[in-house]
Amino acid sequence: MNSRITSSEIDTTNPEDLKERFEAEADRHGIPRRHVPAAMGDNKKRVGGVAVDQLRSIIDRVERLEQEKAGLAADIRDVFAEAKGRGWDIPAIRKILKLRKMDASEREEAETVLEVYLVALGMQADLFDDEEPAA
């Protein structure tokens, strides 16, 4: 037996029918009912216990922020393209930006670990070695 409620069986003017549909869909997909949106705020327009205006506002705000984020990412790409065009080394600039995000102790620790690894691989003289070089 199909427990799915079809749109023709729902009275969209009756919030109880919509709530029942939300719960039936949650059950069908194995979603706990606690994740079915509950009534929030004092918005007058509700669909299945969801404050429609509030939900629409959240969606609109996130979409606007996503657009701003895409615009900022494009601006950053433009700055890097300009720097590359002037002959700057972009990987070095990215590394500097990464290092500047760290606090001093975190940066010092990262540099020490890098130095230890380089010495272990023979890519750098051992600065920790107190022994004098053999002649």
Protein backbone atom coordinates (compact mmCIF):
# COMPACT_ATOMS: atom_id res chain seq x y z
CA MET A 1 0.00 0.00 0.00
CA ASN A 2 1.30 3.44 -0.93
CA SER A 3 1.21 5.75 2.10
CA ARG A 4 2.33 8.75 0.07
CA ILE A 5 -0.17 11.55 0.03
CA THR A 6 -0.76 13.02 -3.40
CA SER A 7 -1.27 16.72 -4.03
CA SER A 8 -4.86 16.08 -5.12
CA GLU A 9 -5.62 14.72 -1.63
CA ILE A 10 -4.39 17.85 0.16
CA ASP A 11 -6.48 20.82 1.09
CA THR A 12 -3.86 23.59 1.01
CA THR A 13 -6.15 25.86 2.97
CA ASN A 14 -6.15 23.42 5.88
CA PRO A 15 -2.92 23.52 7.90
CA GLU A 16 -3.68 20.11 9.42
CA ASP A 17 -3.63 18.47 5.97
CA LEU A 18 -0.29 20.09 5.21
CA LYS A 19 1.14 19.08 8.57
CA GLU A 20 -0.01 15.53 7.92
CA ARG A 21 1.71 15.61 4.52
CA PHE A 22 4.97 16.87 5.99
CA GLU A 23 4.90 14.15 8.63
CA ALA A 24 4.02 11.44 6.09
CA GLU A 25 6.88 12.53 3.82
CA ALA A 26 9.28 12.60 6.76
CA ASP A 27 8.21 9.07 7.72
CA ARG A 28 8.55 7.87 4.13
CA HIS A 29 12.10 9.20 3.86
CA GLY A 30 13.10 8.00 7.33
CA ILE A 31 13.50 11.55 8.66
CA PRO A 32 12.73 11.90 12.37
CA ARG A 33 9.63 13.99 12.92
CA ARG A 34 11.59 16.36 15.14
CA HIS A 35 13.15 17.65 11.90
CA VAL A 36 9.77 18.60 10.47
CA PRO A 37 9.67 22.40 10.84
CA ALA A 38 7.62 23.58 13.79
CA ALA A 39 5.63 26.80 14.01
CA MET A 40 7.92 29.75 14.66
CA GLY A 41 7.46 33.43 15.34
CA ASP A 42 4.18 35.18 14.88
CA ASN A 43 3.91 35.13 11.10
CA LYS A 44 0.31 34.81 10.02
CA LYS A 45 0.93 32.76 6.88
CA ARG A 46 1.84 29.19 7.77
CA VAL A 47 2.09 26.05 5.71
CA GLY A 48 2.37 22.82 7.65
CA GLY A 49 3.60 24.60 10.75
CA VAL A 50 6.22 26.55 8.79
CA ALA A 51 6.29 30.33 8.98
CA VAL A 52 6.46 30.96 5.24
CA ASP A 53 7.59 34.60 5.42
CA GLN A 54 10.38 33.71 7.83
CA LEU A 55 11.57 30.82 5.66
CA ARG A 56 11.47 32.98 2.52
CA SER A 57 13.46 35.69 4.32
CA ILE A 58 16.16 33.20 5.33
CA ILE A 59 16.41 31.82 1.80
CA ASP A 60 16.57 35.33 0.29
CA ARG A 61 19.31 36.43 2.71
CA VAL A 62 21.44 33.35 2.00
CA GLU A 63 21.03 33.82 -1.76
CA ARG A 64 22.05 37.48 -1.47
CA LEU A 65 25.12 36.54 0.59
CA GLU A 66 26.06 33.83 -1.94
CA GLN A 67 25.92 36.47 -4.70
CA GLU A 68 28.13 38.81 -2.65
CA LYS A 69 30.55 35.95 -1.98
CA ALA A 70 30.78 35.19 -5.71
CA GLY A 71 31.41 38.87 -6.42
CA LEU A 72 34.18 39.03 -3.82
CA ALA A 73 35.77 35.85 -5.19
CA ALA A 74 35.80 37.44 -8.66
CA ASP A 75 37.42 40.59 -7.22
CA ILE A 76 40.12 38.49 -5.54
CA ARG A 77 40.79 36.64 -8.81
CA ASP A 78 41.15 40.02 -10.54
CA VAL A 79 43.71 41.21 -7.96
CA PHE A 80 45.74 38.01 -8.40
CA ALA A 81 45.58 38.38 -12.19
CA GLU A 82 46.80 41.96 -11.89
CA ALA A 83 49.67 40.87 -9.59
CA LYS A 84 50.62 38.08 -12.02
CA GLY A 85 50.57 40.54 -14.89
CA ARG A 86 53.04 42.74 -13.00
CA GLY A 87 55.39 39.80 -12.51
CA TRP A 88 54.64 38.84 -8.89
CA ASP A 89 54.83 35.19 -7.83
CA ILE A 90 51.24 34.22 -6.96
CA PRO A 91 52.05 31.05 -4.92
CA ALA A 92 54.38 33.14 -2.75
CA ILE A 93 51.67 35.76 -2.23
CA ARG A 94 49.17 33.03 -1.29
CA LYS A 95 51.69 31.59 1.19
CA ILE A 96 52.20 35.04 2.75
CA LEU A 97 48.44 35.50 3.08
CA LYS A 98 48.19 32.09 4.77
CA LEU A 99 51.02 32.93 7.17
CA ARG A 100 49.49 36.31 8.04
CA LYS A 101 46.28 34.57 9.15
CA MET A 102 48.27 32.66 11.79
CA ASP A 103 49.22 34.08 15.15
CA ALA A 104 52.96 34.40 15.91
CA SER A 105 53.30 31.18 17.93
CA GLU A 106 51.37 29.15 15.38
CA ARG A 107 53.53 30.56 12.57
CA GLU A 108 56.74 29.83 14.51
CA GLU A 109 55.63 26.25 15.16
CA ALA A 110 54.83 25.70 11.46
CA GLU A 111 58.21 27.10 10.42
CA THR A 112 60.02 24.89 12.97
CA VAL A 113 58.23 21.76 11.79
CA LEU A 114 59.03 22.64 8.17
CA GLU A 115 62.69 23.17 9.05
CA VAL A 116 62.90 19.84 10.89
CA TYR A 117 61.37 18.04 7.91
CA LEU A 118 63.73 19.74 5.46
CA VAL A 119 66.75 18.76 7.57
CA ALA A 120 65.47 15.16 7.84
CA LEU A 121 65.22 14.99 4.03
CA GLY A 122 68.67 16.50 3.58
CA MET A 123 67.27 19.57 1.90
CA GLN A 124 68.67 22.02 4.47
CA ALA A 125 71.68 22.19 6.78
CA ASP A 126 70.89 21.16 10.35
CA LEU A 127 70.69 24.42 12.30
CA PHE A 128 70.15 22.49 15.55
CA ASP A 129 73.35 20.50 15.23
CA ASP A 130 75.97 21.84 17.70
CA GLU A 131 78.73 19.60 16.36
CA GLU A 132 81.39 21.14 14.22
CA PRO A 133 81.61 19.84 10.65
CA ALA A 134 84.16 17.09 10.10
CA ALA A 135 87.20 18.18 8.11
